Amino acid sequence: MKAQHIFLLLFTALLLYCGLTDKNSVWAEMPGQQNILQIEGVRADGQALNTDPLQRAIDGLSAAGGGTLVFPAGTYLTGTLRLKDNITLHLEPGAVLRGSPELKDYPGIDVSFPTMNNLFYRHALLYAENAVNIGITGSGIIDGQGDARGFRRQSSKAPDRYMNRPSILRFVNCTGVRMRDVRIKDAGFWVTHFLACDDMVLDGITIESRTANYNNDGIDIDCCSNVRVSNCHIDSQDDAICLKSTGQRICRNVVITNCVISSNCSGIRFGCEAFGGFEDIVISNITMNNIGASAIQLQTFDGGILDRVSLSGITMHNVNQAIFINVGHEMYPIGVAEADLPLQHPETIGKVRNIILRDIQADGVGRCARREVGGKEYTAENKYACILSGMPESRLENITMNAIRLRCVGNGTAEDAASDLAEVPNGFNAGSMGMTPAYGVYCRNVDNLRLRDIEVSCENDDLRPAVMLEKCSDVDVFNVDGKAHPAAVAFMRLRNVDNTFLHGCHPAGLHAFLSVEGADTAAIRLIANDFRKTATPVVIAPNTPPSAVTLERQDWVPMVGG
């Protein structure tokens, strides 16, 4: 009996000792855990390079069936680490996994999955390929030290400007990826890049990479499937969340929700790389602040199809542009001979169809506070809010905008109102097309367009219409309202538009609601609108067939022109 009591006392003392010596660590409480400080050669002083002992620990634990490597508080300097099957890195509070500032500690990696980016993108701090069940968890920090001298952009020309700059994380063709709660900061290139991965969960991730280096995309989801991103906070120098298709595999079945975003470039972006395309993607409950380019940017180049995408429940404050959707020809080669490309361009142009934009509120559209690489801060302004632009050979199809509120900066001139937006075959961003002739919503080359419950207004005088539709067909406009300057031709302008139905509109205080022009304009019907507080419901330009417009069952005064 005494022996049993002595054993229990000794065992209790041992448990208390373990808890007191490492009370913040969880590794001893769970099977398959290993405290990284127990690995010979690992130092948490931020000075010693830990690449070799950390990689040995990963290899050994994976070979034994897998588990979790726990990093207690401390700073662990390392070069490239390659995650293996069934490995999770857990960073406890106060733990910092810090990338080496020396490029020599990031050996070049030849990726087996063929993409255009393989031409220049070969370095990463955390890398995995063909791995299953891998993860990174905990509330510690991964620091890429992306502002190191050796990672700076060496050229302004592509592809040289992307060379020799490591991302923080690159997972290729992996299945069962889990990332939770970790904070990631200051990449040399993209922050996180997931290529051809399946079954991914990213939850509660914080990314802070605004001023360290260029091209700091926050989360790049590339040719991936079955992806869930939630509860993330991203502040990035380049696109915050970007869906890509740099290889010939479709990016599909992606859900993104409950995120807070700011960026020097775009907030949510598809493309522009789209060899495989995108389908079945839902994005909801997003807050965006200070977006330096487009808050929502959906693009397909390189032949891909963008299909069945829904975005809803989005608020924007101070964004350079609210929405930009376009299709174009190939973006590659970028400074590379065609014969040297790992993929051949398709002969056909891409397609955008079946897009729903719903419940979106934006103010300060056309104005944002920017922080550049190195920390320079300034306020940028532009004069276009929303562009939907297909090409004559690839028109946008089945686009719905519902419950949209846009409050724009304005300041458009009469010259801006008379401008013609260029049909650029590879319009990388909205600015490459020139000035829009409408301050709010501009749509061109769209079939089956639905504009419902939309309100647009501007802070400052703007001499352009609020809405313009050009070369669109099969359009339904319901309850579209807002403000237009008396010098603008009208609140809404249609040019060479056919089969358009306008109903349920009740504008107030406008000199003219609708301007119609173009020899190809036809079948414009206005039914059940309330024009009692509008001086002139419709203005028809001289080059437009008078029979193109009919008004039925509404309170109205005669249209002019024709």
Protein backbone atom coordinates (compact mmCIF):
# COMPACT_ATOMS: atom_id res chain seq x y z
CA MET A 1 0.00 0.00 0.00
CA LYS A 2 2.84 2.37 0.87
CA ALA A 3 4.48 1.60 -2.45
CA GLN A 4 1.28 2.56 -4.27
CA HIS A 5 1.04 5.83 -2.33
CA ILE A 6 4.66 6.65 -3.09
CA PHE A 7 4.10 5.92 -6.79
CA LEU A 8 1.01 8.15 -6.92
CA LEU A 9 2.86 10.98 -5.17
CA LEU A 10 5.81 10.72 -7.57
CA PHE A 11 3.49 10.59 -10.61
CA THR A 12 1.54 13.64 -9.41
CA ALA A 13 4.76 15.53 -8.80
CA LEU A 14 5.96 14.67 -12.30
CA LEU A 15 2.72 15.99 -13.83
CA LEU A 16 2.99 19.21 -11.82
CA TYR A 17 6.61 19.63 -12.89
CA CYS A 18 5.74 19.21 -16.56
CA GLY A 19 2.92 21.73 -16.25
CA LEU A 20 5.09 24.29 -14.46
CA THR A 21 8.04 24.01 -16.80
CA ASP A 22 6.00 24.49 -19.96
CA LYS A 23 2.55 25.61 -18.86
CA ASN A 24 1.71 27.23 -22.22
CA SER A 25 2.54 24.17 -24.32
CA VAL A 26 -0.09 21.71 -25.48
CA TRP A 27 2.26 19.15 -27.02
CA ALA A 28 2.45 16.89 -23.94
CA GLU A 29 -1.33 16.68 -23.62
CA MET A 30 -2.05 15.01 -26.94
CA PRO A 31 -0.67 11.93 -28.72
CA GLY A 32 1.47 12.47 -31.79
CA GLN A 33 2.76 15.82 -30.57
CA GLN A 34 6.39 16.81 -30.46
CA ASN A 35 7.84 19.92 -28.85
CA ILE A 36 10.22 21.32 -31.44
CA LEU A 37 12.63 22.46 -28.73
CA GLN A 38 13.29 18.81 -27.93
CA ILE A 39 14.78 18.35 -31.39
CA GLU A 40 18.55 18.43 -31.32
CA GLY A 41 19.94 21.55 -32.96
CA VAL A 42 16.78 23.69 -32.83
CA ARG A 43 17.29 27.15 -31.38
CA ALA A 44 14.56 29.70 -30.67
CA ASP A 45 16.87 32.72 -30.54
CA GLY A 46 16.08 34.22 -33.97
CA GLN A 47 19.75 33.95 -34.96
CA ALA A 48 20.60 30.30 -35.55
CA LEU A 49 19.36 28.83 -38.83
CA ASN A 50 17.07 25.89 -38.04
CA THR A 51 16.32 24.57 -41.52
CA ASP A 52 18.08 21.20 -41.19
CA PRO A 53 16.84 20.13 -37.73
CA LEU A 54 13.30 21.32 -38.47
CA GLN A 55 13.21 19.38 -41.74
CA ARG A 56 14.53 16.26 -39.97
CA ALA A 57 11.73 16.59 -37.44
CA ILE A 58 9.12 16.88 -40.19
CA ASP A 59 10.53 13.91 -42.09
CA GLY A 60 10.78 11.72 -39.01
CA LEU A 61 7.33 12.46 -37.68
CA SER A 62 5.75 11.93 -41.10
CA ALA A 63 7.56 8.62 -41.53
CA ALA A 64 6.23 7.51 -38.12
CA GLY A 65 2.64 8.16 -39.22
CA GLY A 66 2.39 11.89 -38.67
CA GLY A 67 1.53 14.30 -35.91
CA THR A 68 1.94 17.88 -34.79
CA LEU A 69 5.18 19.78 -34.34
CA VAL A 70 4.57 22.35 -31.61
CA PHE A 71 6.56 25.58 -31.59
CA PRO A 72 6.58 27.14 -28.10
CA ALA A 73 7.23 30.86 -27.66
CA GLY A 74 10.46 31.96 -29.34
CA THR A 75 11.77 32.97 -32.76
CA TYR A 76 12.79 30.19 -35.16
CA LEU A 77 14.84 31.29 -38.17
CA THR A 78 14.63 28.95 -41.14
CA GLY A 79 14.91 28.54 -44.87
CA THR A 80 12.61 26.38 -47.00
CA LEU A 81 10.72 23.67 -45.10
CA ARG A 82 8.88 20.94 -46.98
CA LEU A 83 5.77 19.62 -45.25
CA LYS A 84 5.05 15.91 -45.60
CA ASP A 85 1.98 13.68 -45.18
CA ASN A 86 0.00 14.02 -41.94
CA ILE A 87 2.05 16.91 -40.55
CA THR A 88 0.71 19.96 -38.74
CA LEU A 89 2.81 22.87 -37.55
CA HIS A 90 1.33 24.44 -34.41
CA LEU A 91 2.61 27.89 -33.42
CA GLU A 92 1.84 28.76 -29.83
CA PRO A 93 1.38 32.35 -28.58
CA GLY A 94 4.70 34.14 -28.84
CA ALA A 95 6.10 31.72 -31.42
CA VAL A 96 7.53 33.27 -34.60
CA LEU A 97 8.59 31.15 -37.57
CA ARG A 98 10.83 33.61 -39.39
CA GLY A 99 12.09 33.21 -42.93
CA SER A 100 15.76 33.69 -43.62
CA PRO A 101 16.66 36.98 -45.35
CA GLU A 102 19.11 35.09 -47.61
CA LEU A 103 17.93 33.72 -50.97
CA LYS A 104 20.47 30.89 -50.75
CA ASP A 105 18.36 29.38 -47.98
CA TYR A 106 15.45 28.92 -50.44
CA PRO A 107 16.56 26.35 -53.02
CA GLY A 108 14.74 26.49 -56.35
CA ILE A 109 11.86 24.04 -56.66
CA ASP A 110 10.70 22.53 -59.94
CA VAL A 111 6.95 22.03 -59.65
CA SER A 112 5.51 18.98 -61.41
CA PHE A 113 2.11 20.61 -62.09
CA PRO A 114 2.55 22.66 -65.30
CA THR A 115 1.61 26.34 -65.06
CA MET A 116 2.78 29.54 -66.68
CA ASN A 117 4.17 30.72 -63.35
CA ASN A 118 6.70 27.88 -63.26
CA LEU A 119 8.79 30.03 -65.57
CA PHE A 120 9.76 32.37 -62.75
CA TYR A 121 8.27 31.20 -59.45
CA ARG A 122 10.55 28.68 -57.70
CA HIS A 123 11.05 29.74 -54.06
CA ALA A 124 8.93 29.41 -50.91
CA LEU A 125 9.40 29.35 -47.14
CA LEU A 126 6.84 26.58 -46.52
CA TYR A 127 6.38 24.14 -49.39
CA ALA A 128 4.43 20.95 -49.93
CA GLU A 129 3.71 18.89 -53.02
CA ASN A 130 1.53 15.77 -53.35
CA ALA A 131 1.02 15.74 -49.58
CA VAL A 132 -2.14 14.69 -47.71
CA ASN A 133 -3.52 15.95 -44.40
CA ILE A 134 -1.22 18.89 -43.73
CA GLY A 135 -1.89 21.97 -41.65
CA ILE A 136 -0.71 25.06 -39.84
CA THR A 137 -2.48 26.14 -36.66
CA GLY A 138 -2.06 28.28 -33.58
CA SER A 139 -1.92 31.98 -32.82
CA GLY A 140 1.78 32.45 -33.53
CA ILE A 141 3.34 34.34 -36.45
CA ILE A 142 4.95 33.36 -39.74
CA ASP A 143 7.24 36.20 -40.84
CA GLY A 144 8.62 36.10 -44.39
CA GLN A 145 10.95 39.10 -43.96
CA GLY A 146 9.92 40.10 -47.46
CA ASP A 147 11.60 43.49 -47.24
CA ALA A 148 15.06 41.88 -47.14
CA ARG A 149 17.48 43.39 -49.62
CA GLY A 150 17.93 40.12 -51.50
CA PHE A 151 14.18 39.83 -52.19
CA ARG A 152 13.68 43.24 -53.76
CA ARG A 153 12.35 43.50 -57.27
CA GLN A 154 15.37 43.62 -59.57
CA SER A 155 13.57 44.79 -62.70
CA SER A 156 10.34 46.50 -63.71
CA LYS A 157 9.96 44.11 -66.67
CA ALA A 158 8.31 40.71 -66.63
CA PRO A 159 9.25 37.99 -65.99
CA ASP A 160 12.48 39.25 -64.40
CA ARG A 161 10.64 41.32 -61.81
CA TYR A 162 9.19 38.13 -60.29
CA MET A 163 12.47 36.21 -60.10
CA ASN A 164 14.24 35.23 -56.89
CA ARG A 165 11.50 36.33 -54.54
CA PRO A 166 10.16 33.67 -52.15
CA SER A 167 6.53 33.40 -51.18
CA ILE A 168 5.72 32.43 -47.62
CA LEU A 169 3.64 29.37 -48.43
CA ARG A 170 3.17 27.28 -51.55
CA PHE A 171 1.23 24.01 -51.50
CA VAL A 172 0.96 22.07 -54.78
CA ASN A 173 -1.41 19.18 -55.52
CA CYS A 174 -2.13 18.58 -51.84
CA THR A 175 -5.29 17.07 -50.33
CA GLY A 176 -6.70 17.84 -46.91
CA VAL A 177 -5.16 21.25 -46.12
CA ARG A 178 -6.08 22.93 -42.83
CA MET A 179 -4.95 26.38 -41.67
CA ARG A 180 -6.42 28.02 -38.60
CA ASP A 181 -5.79 31.17 -36.57
CA VAL A 182 -2.20 31.79 -37.62
CA ARG A 183 -0.89 35.27 -38.44
CA ILE A 184 1.23 35.64 -41.60
CA LYS A 185 3.22 38.74 -42.47
CA ASP A 186 5.64 40.36 -44.93
CA ALA A 187 6.20 38.10 -47.92
CA GLY A 188 8.86 38.49 -50.58
CA PHE A 189 6.32 37.53 -53.26
CA TRP A 190 2.81 36.03 -52.90
CA VAL A 191 1.91 35.40 -49.27
CA THR A 192 0.06 32.09 -49.69
CA HIS A 193 -0.38 30.13 -52.92
CA PHE A 194 -2.42 26.95 -53.17
CA LEU A 195 -2.01 25.23 -56.55
CA ALA A 196 -4.15 22.27 -57.66
CA CYS A 197 -5.13 21.44 -54.07
CA ASP A 198 -8.35 19.74 -52.96
CA ASP A 199 -10.29 19.83 -49.69
CA MET A 200 -8.95 23.01 -48.13
CA VAL A 201 -10.10 24.88 -45.01
CA LEU A 202 -8.64 28.29 -44.17
CA ASP A 203 -10.23 29.75 -41.05
CA GLY A 204 -9.34 32.73 -38.89
CA ILE A 205 -6.15 33.57 -40.80
CA THR A 206 -4.64 37.06 -40.45
CA ILE A 207 -2.43 38.31 -43.28
CA GLU A 208 -0.48 41.57 -42.98
CA SER A 209 1.71 42.19 -46.01
CA ARG A 210 1.05 45.73 -47.27
CA THR A 211 4.46 47.43 -47.34
CA ALA A 212 7.10 44.70 -47.39
CA ASN A 213 7.34 44.02 -51.13
CA TYR A 214 5.46 44.04 -54.43
CA ASN A 215 3.06 41.32 -55.67
CA ASN A 216 2.06 40.41 -52.11
CA ASP A 217 -1.22 38.65 -52.91
CA GLY A 218 -2.86 37.55 -49.66
CA ILE A 219 -4.50 34.23 -50.56
CA ASP A 220 -4.10 32.76 -54.06
CA ILE A 221 -6.45 29.85 -54.81
CA ASP A 222 -5.16 28.41 -58.08
CA CYS A 223 -6.73 25.44 -59.91
CA CYS A 224 -8.12 24.25 -56.56
CA SER A 225 -11.38 22.51 -55.66
CA ASN A 226 -13.56 22.14 -52.56
CA VAL A 227 -12.21 25.16 -50.72
CA ARG A 228 -13.65 26.94 -47.67
CA VAL A 229 -12.22 30.29 -46.57
CA SER A 230 -13.79 32.00 -43.56
CA ASN A 231 -13.21 34.57 -40.83
CA CYS A 232 -9.99 35.92 -42.31
CA HIS A 233 -8.51 39.42 -41.99
CA ILE A 234 -6.29 40.43 -44.90
CA ASP A 235 -4.30 43.61 -45.54
CA SER A 236 -2.16 43.08 -48.63
CA GLN A 237 -0.05 45.02 -51.11
CA ASP A 238 -1.54 43.13 -54.05
CA ASP A 239 -4.87 41.31 -54.45
CA ALA A 240 -6.28 40.25 -51.08
CA ILE A 241 -8.04 37.05 -52.21
CA CYS A 242 -7.33 35.95 -55.77
CA LEU A 243 -8.71 32.95 -57.61
CA LYS A 244 -6.43 31.87 -60.43
CA SER A 245 -6.24 29.14 -63.00
CA THR A 246 -2.63 29.25 -64.14
CA GLY A 247 -2.81 25.64 -65.32
CA GLN A 248 -5.35 23.64 -67.28
CA ARG A 249 -7.52 22.68 -64.33
CA ILE A 250 -10.78 24.39 -63.33
CA CYS A 251 -10.92 26.23 -60.01
CA ARG A 252 -14.27 25.05 -58.60
CA ASN A 253 -16.44 24.57 -55.53
CA VAL A 254 -15.08 27.49 -53.51
CA VAL A 255 -16.84 29.24 -50.61
CA ILE A 256 -15.44 32.46 -49.13
CA THR A 257 -17.27 34.13 -46.23
CA ASN A 258 -17.02 36.44 -43.21
CA CYS A 259 -13.78 38.20 -44.13
CA VAL A 260 -12.43 41.73 -43.61
CA ILE A 261 -10.26 42.96 -46.46
CA SER A 262 -8.04 45.89 -47.42
CA SER A 263 -5.57 46.00 -50.29
CA ASN A 264 -3.42 48.27 -52.41
CA CYS A 265 -4.82 46.38 -55.41
CA SER A 266 -8.05 44.37 -55.72
CA GLY A 267 -10.13 42.93 -52.90
CA ILE A 268 -11.72 39.81 -54.45
CA ARG A 269 -10.28 38.91 -57.84
CA PHE A 270 -10.73 36.15 -60.40
CA GLY A 271 -7.87 35.93 -62.91
CA CYS A 272 -6.49 37.37 -64.90
CA GLU A 273 -4.83 33.94 -65.42
CA ALA A 274 -7.65 31.61 -66.45
CA PHE A 275 -6.44 28.67 -68.52
CA GLY A 276 -8.75 26.24 -66.75
CA GLY A 277 -11.44 28.69 -65.65
CA PHE A 278 -13.74 29.01 -62.63
CA GLU A 279 -17.11 27.56 -61.70
CA ASP A 280 -19.44 27.11 -58.73
CA ILE A 281 -18.09 29.79 -56.41
CA VAL A 282 -19.95 31.60 -53.61
CA ILE A 283 -18.61 34.69 -51.83
CA SER A 284 -20.57 36.33 -49.01
CA ASN A 285 -20.40 38.59 -45.96
CA ILE A 286 -17.29 40.56 -46.86
CA THR A 287 -16.24 43.98 -45.58
CA MET A 288 -13.76 45.94 -47.70
CA ASN A 289 -11.93 49.15 -46.80
CA ASN A 290 -9.36 51.16 -48.76
CA ILE A 291 -9.11 49.02 -51.88
CA GLY A 292 -6.56 50.51 -54.31
CA ALA A 293 -8.02 48.98 -57.49
CA SER A 294 -11.30 47.05 -57.90
CA ALA A 295 -13.11 45.74 -54.85
CA ILE A 296 -14.64 42.99 -57.00
CA GLN A 297 -12.75 42.05 -60.17
CA LEU A 298 -13.89 39.08 -62.26
CA GLN A 299 -11.79 38.38 -65.35
CA THR A 300 -11.06 35.53 -67.66
CA PHE A 301 -8.22 35.48 -70.15
CA ASP A 302 -6.31 32.63 -71.74
CA GLY A 303 -9.49 30.80 -72.82
CA GLY A 304 -11.04 29.91 -69.46
CA ILE A 305 -14.75 29.90 -68.61
CA LEU A 306 -16.07 31.85 -65.60
CA ASP A 307 -19.44 30.30 -64.73
CA ARG A 308 -21.92 30.13 -61.84
CA VAL A 309 -20.51 32.70 -59.43
CA SER A 310 -22.47 34.43 -56.67
CA LEU A 311 -21.32 37.41 -54.57
CA SER A 312 -23.57 38.83 -51.84
CA GLY A 313 -23.63 40.69 -48.55
CA ILE A 314 -20.65 42.93 -49.33
CA THR A 315 -19.92 46.39 -47.94
CA MET A 316 -17.24 48.70 -49.31
CA HIS A 317 -15.81 51.95 -48.00
CA ASN A 318 -13.27 54.03 -49.93
CA VAL A 319 -12.59 51.74 -52.87
CA ASN A 320 -10.98 52.92 -56.09
CA GLN A 321 -13.58 51.00 -58.09
CA ALA A 322 -16.47 48.86 -56.90
CA ILE A 323 -16.97 46.24 -59.64
CA PHE A 324 -15.03 45.29 -62.77
CA ILE A 325 -16.03 42.29 -64.91
CA ASN A 326 -14.43 41.65 -68.29
CA VAL A 327 -13.22 39.03 -70.73
CA GLY A 328 -10.24 39.21 -73.04
CA HIS A 329 -7.52 37.43 -74.95
CA GLU A 330 -4.43 35.82 -73.49
CA MET A 331 -2.26 37.72 -71.01
CA TYR A 332 0.83 35.57 -71.64
CA PRO A 333 3.54 35.57 -72.81
CA ILE A 334 4.85 38.31 -70.56
CA GLY A 335 8.31 38.89 -71.90
CA VAL A 336 8.68 35.21 -72.86
CA ALA A 337 8.92 33.67 -76.31
CA GLU A 338 5.90 31.55 -77.26
CA ALA A 339 8.10 28.51 -77.85
CA ASP A 340 9.38 28.69 -74.26
CA LEU A 341 5.96 28.62 -72.61
CA PRO A 342 5.07 25.48 -70.61
CA LEU A 343 1.44 25.71 -71.80
CA GLN A 344 0.02 26.53 -75.20
CA HIS A 345 -2.65 29.17 -75.55
CA PRO A 346 -6.11 27.95 -76.53
CA GLU A 347 -7.46 29.11 -79.86
CA THR A 348 -10.77 30.26 -78.39
CA ILE A 349 -11.48 33.28 -76.21
CA GLY A 350 -12.84 32.79 -72.69
CA LYS A 351 -16.41 33.26 -71.47
CA VAL A 352 -18.14 34.94 -68.50
CA ARG A 353 -21.70 33.83 -67.69
CA ASN A 354 -24.19 33.23 -64.88
CA ILE A 355 -22.97 35.85 -62.40
CA ILE A 356 -25.08 37.18 -59.51
CA LEU A 357 -24.10 40.32 -57.59
CA ARG A 358 -26.52 40.98 -54.74
CA ASP A 359 -26.81 43.10 -51.60
CA ILE A 360 -23.75 45.29 -52.16
CA GLN A 361 -23.30 48.69 -50.53
CA ALA A 362 -20.40 51.00 -51.36
CA ASP A 363 -19.50 54.56 -50.47
CA GLY A 364 -16.43 56.59 -51.28
CA VAL A 365 -16.26 54.81 -54.63
CA GLY A 366 -13.39 56.41 -56.52
CA ARG A 367 -11.34 57.32 -53.46
CA CYS A 368 -8.96 55.27 -51.33
CA ALA A 369 -6.06 55.70 -48.95
CA ARG A 370 -3.03 53.85 -50.27
CA ARG A 371 0.12 52.65 -48.52
CA GLU A 372 2.86 51.66 -50.91
CA VAL A 373 5.90 49.43 -50.51
CA GLY A 374 8.19 51.23 -48.11
CA GLY A 375 5.29 52.87 -46.28
CA LYS A 376 4.47 55.87 -48.49
CA GLU A 377 0.86 56.98 -47.93
CA TYR A 378 -1.43 59.06 -50.14
CA THR A 379 -5.05 59.35 -51.29
CA ALA A 380 -5.92 58.16 -54.81
CA GLU A 381 -9.04 59.07 -56.78
CA ASN A 382 -10.60 57.99 -60.06
CA LYS A 383 -13.91 58.51 -61.83
CA TYR A 384 -15.35 55.07 -62.65
CA ALA A 385 -17.34 52.83 -60.32
CA CYS A 386 -18.65 49.74 -62.11
CA ILE A 387 -17.72 48.27 -65.50
CA LEU A 388 -19.17 45.12 -67.07
CA SER A 389 -17.52 44.66 -70.45
CA GLY A 390 -17.63 41.70 -72.80
CA MET A 391 -16.02 41.46 -76.21
CA PRO A 392 -17.95 41.34 -79.51
CA GLU A 393 -16.77 37.75 -79.97
CA SER A 394 -17.41 36.78 -76.32
CA ARG A 395 -20.30 38.66 -74.77
CA LEU A 396 -21.07 38.43 -71.07
CA GLU A 397 -24.16 36.29 -70.45
CA ASN A 398 -26.77 36.08 -67.70
CA ILE A 399 -25.55 38.81 -65.36
CA THR A 400 -27.73 39.91 -62.43
CA MET A 401 -27.13 42.97 -60.24
CA ASN A 402 -29.67 43.16 -57.42
CA ALA A 403 -29.89 45.48 -54.39
CA ILE A 404 -26.80 47.55 -55.20
CA ARG A 405 -26.05 50.96 -53.64
CA LEU A 406 -23.16 52.99 -55.03
CA ARG A 407 -22.13 56.37 -53.63
CA CYS A 408 -19.41 57.70 -55.94
CA VAL A 409 -16.95 60.57 -55.64
CA GLY A 410 -17.97 62.01 -59.03
CA ASN A 411 -16.18 64.98 -60.68
CA GLY A 412 -16.78 63.75 -64.24
CA THR A 413 -16.63 66.37 -66.99
CA ALA A 414 -18.50 66.91 -70.25
CA GLU A 415 -15.44 65.54 -72.03
CA ASP A 416 -15.67 62.39 -69.90
CA ALA A 417 -19.34 62.04 -70.81
CA ALA A 418 -18.46 62.13 -74.52
CA SER A 419 -15.69 59.53 -74.23
CA ASP A 420 -15.87 56.08 -75.80
CA LEU A 421 -14.53 53.29 -73.64
CA ALA A 422 -11.95 51.33 -75.62
CA GLU A 423 -12.53 47.64 -76.31
CA VAL A 424 -9.15 46.46 -75.08
CA PRO A 425 -8.55 42.75 -75.84
CA ASN A 426 -6.40 42.29 -72.74
CA GLY A 427 -7.68 44.95 -70.35
CA PHE A 428 -5.76 43.97 -67.23
CA ASN A 429 -7.51 46.64 -65.17
CA ALA A 430 -10.28 49.17 -65.63
CA GLY A 431 -7.87 52.03 -66.17
CA SER A 432 -6.47 50.36 -69.29
CA MET A 433 -9.79 50.97 -71.05
CA GLY A 434 -9.90 54.70 -70.47
CA MET A 435 -12.66 56.86 -68.97
CA THR A 436 -16.20 55.54 -68.67
CA PRO A 437 -18.99 57.75 -70.07
CA ALA A 438 -21.11 57.00 -66.96
CA TYR A 439 -20.19 57.72 -63.35
CA GLY A 440 -21.98 54.72 -61.84
CA VAL A 441 -22.74 51.57 -63.85
CA TYR A 442 -21.43 50.96 -67.38
CA CYS A 443 -22.35 47.75 -69.23
CA ARG A 444 -21.26 46.74 -72.74
CA ASN A 445 -21.63 43.59 -74.82
CA VAL A 446 -23.89 41.86 -72.29
CA ASP A 447 -26.74 39.46 -73.07
CA ASN A 448 -29.53 38.79 -70.57
CA LEU A 449 -28.69 41.55 -68.11
CA ARG A 450 -30.78 42.10 -64.98
CA LEU A 451 -30.53 45.43 -63.10
CA ARG A 452 -32.88 45.41 -60.12
CA ASP A 453 -33.19 47.71 -57.11
CA ILE A 454 -30.10 49.79 -57.87
CA GLU A 455 -29.34 53.27 -56.56
CA VAL A 456 -26.39 55.39 -57.67
CA SER A 457 -25.39 58.88 -56.58
CA CYS A 458 -22.25 61.00 -56.29
CA GLU A 459 -20.72 63.37 -53.75
CA ASN A 460 -19.59 65.98 -56.27
CA ASP A 461 -21.00 67.31 -59.51
CA ASP A 462 -20.60 64.86 -62.37
CA LEU A 463 -21.73 65.64 -65.90
CA ARG A 464 -22.07 62.02 -66.99
CA PRO A 465 -25.17 59.83 -66.79
CA ALA A 466 -25.34 57.57 -63.76
CA VAL A 467 -25.96 54.44 -65.86
CA MET A 468 -25.04 53.57 -69.44
CA LEU A 469 -25.80 50.42 -71.42
CA GLU A 470 -24.11 49.89 -74.77
CA LYS A 471 -24.52 47.02 -77.23
CA CYS A 472 -26.56 45.06 -74.69
CA SER A 473 -29.46 42.74 -75.46
CA ASP A 474 -32.32 41.23 -73.45
CA VAL A 475 -32.16 43.65 -70.54
CA ASP A 476 -34.54 43.93 -67.58
CA VAL A 477 -34.31 47.19 -65.58
CA PHE A 478 -36.44 47.41 -62.43
CA ASN A 479 -36.42 50.15 -59.77
CA VAL A 480 -33.16 51.77 -60.83
CA ASP A 481 -32.85 55.23 -59.32
CA GLY A 482 -30.39 57.93 -58.35
CA LYS A 483 -29.07 61.36 -59.21
CA ALA A 484 -27.96 63.04 -62.42
CA HIS A 485 -26.58 66.54 -63.00
CA PRO A 486 -28.78 68.86 -65.13
CA ALA A 487 -25.95 69.07 -67.65
CA ALA A 488 -25.94 65.29 -68.15
CA VAL A 489 -27.91 64.03 -71.13
CA ALA A 490 -30.06 61.92 -68.76
CA PHE A 491 -29.89 59.69 -65.71
CA MET A 492 -29.62 56.57 -67.89
CA ARG A 493 -28.21 56.32 -71.41
CA LEU A 494 -28.82 53.50 -73.89
CA ARG A 495 -26.78 53.18 -77.08
CA ASN A 496 -27.39 50.42 -79.62
CA VAL A 497 -29.34 48.39 -77.10
CA ASP A 498 -32.20 46.06 -78.03
CA ASN A 499 -35.00 44.16 -76.35
CA THR A 500 -34.90 46.13 -73.11
CA PHE A 501 -37.69 46.31 -70.54
CA LEU A 502 -37.72 49.20 -68.01
CA HIS A 503 -40.35 49.05 -65.27
CA GLY A 504 -40.98 50.00 -61.66
CA CYS A 505 -38.78 53.11 -61.86
CA HIS A 506 -39.90 56.23 -60.00
CA PRO A 507 -37.20 58.89 -60.43
CA ALA A 508 -37.58 62.26 -58.74
CA GLY A 509 -36.00 65.60 -59.47
CA LEU A 510 -34.45 64.58 -62.80
CA HIS A 511 -34.51 66.71 -65.94
CA ALA A 512 -34.44 63.51 -68.03
CA PHE A 513 -34.61 59.85 -67.03
CA LEU A 514 -33.62 58.03 -70.21
CA SER A 515 -31.56 58.90 -73.29
CA VAL A 516 -31.79 56.52 -76.25
CA GLU A 517 -29.47 56.60 -79.26
CA GLY A 518 -28.03 54.46 -82.03
CA ALA A 519 -29.26 53.07 -85.32
CA ASP A 520 -29.22 49.53 -83.88
CA THR A 521 -31.43 50.42 -80.93
CA ALA A 522 -34.72 48.51 -80.95
CA ALA A 523 -37.55 47.20 -78.77
CA ILE A 524 -37.11 49.49 -75.76
CA ARG A 525 -40.27 49.23 -73.64
CA LEU A 526 -41.12 51.35 -70.60
CA ILE A 527 -44.04 49.98 -68.59
CA ALA A 528 -45.51 50.94 -65.20
CA ASN A 529 -43.01 53.65 -64.29
CA ASP A 530 -43.79 56.82 -62.34
CA PHE A 531 -42.40 59.86 -64.16
CA ARG A 532 -44.56 62.51 -62.48
CA LYS A 533 -41.51 64.10 -60.81
CA THR A 534 -39.28 63.93 -63.89
CA ALA A 535 -39.36 66.71 -66.47
CA THR A 536 -38.70 64.48 -69.49
CA PRO A 537 -38.94 60.69 -69.25
CA VAL A 538 -37.22 59.89 -72.56
CA VAL A 539 -34.92 61.75 -74.94
CA ILE A 540 -34.44 60.10 -78.35
CA ALA A 541 -31.36 61.05 -80.36
CA PRO A 542 -31.78 61.93 -84.07
CA ASN A 543 -29.96 58.81 -85.25
CA THR A 544 -32.42 56.51 -83.46
CA PRO A 545 -35.56 55.00 -85.02
CA PRO A 546 -38.57 56.64 -83.27
CA SER A 547 -40.31 53.28 -83.18
CA ALA A 548 -37.51 51.88 -81.05
CA VAL A 549 -39.16 53.16 -77.85
CA THR A 550 -42.66 52.54 -76.50
CA LEU A 551 -44.23 53.74 -73.24
CA GLU A 552 -47.20 51.94 -71.71
CA ARG A 553 -49.39 52.17 -68.59
CA GLN A 554 -47.54 54.79 -66.60
CA ASP A 555 -47.73 58.35 -65.37
CA TRP A 556 -45.63 60.23 -67.89
CA VAL A 557 -45.24 63.25 -70.08
CA PRO A 558 -44.40 63.00 -73.79
CA MET A 559 -40.90 61.98 -74.80
CA VAL A 560 -38.87 64.39 -76.91
CA GLY A 561 -36.73 63.93 -79.99
CA GLY A 562 -36.99 61.27 -82.61
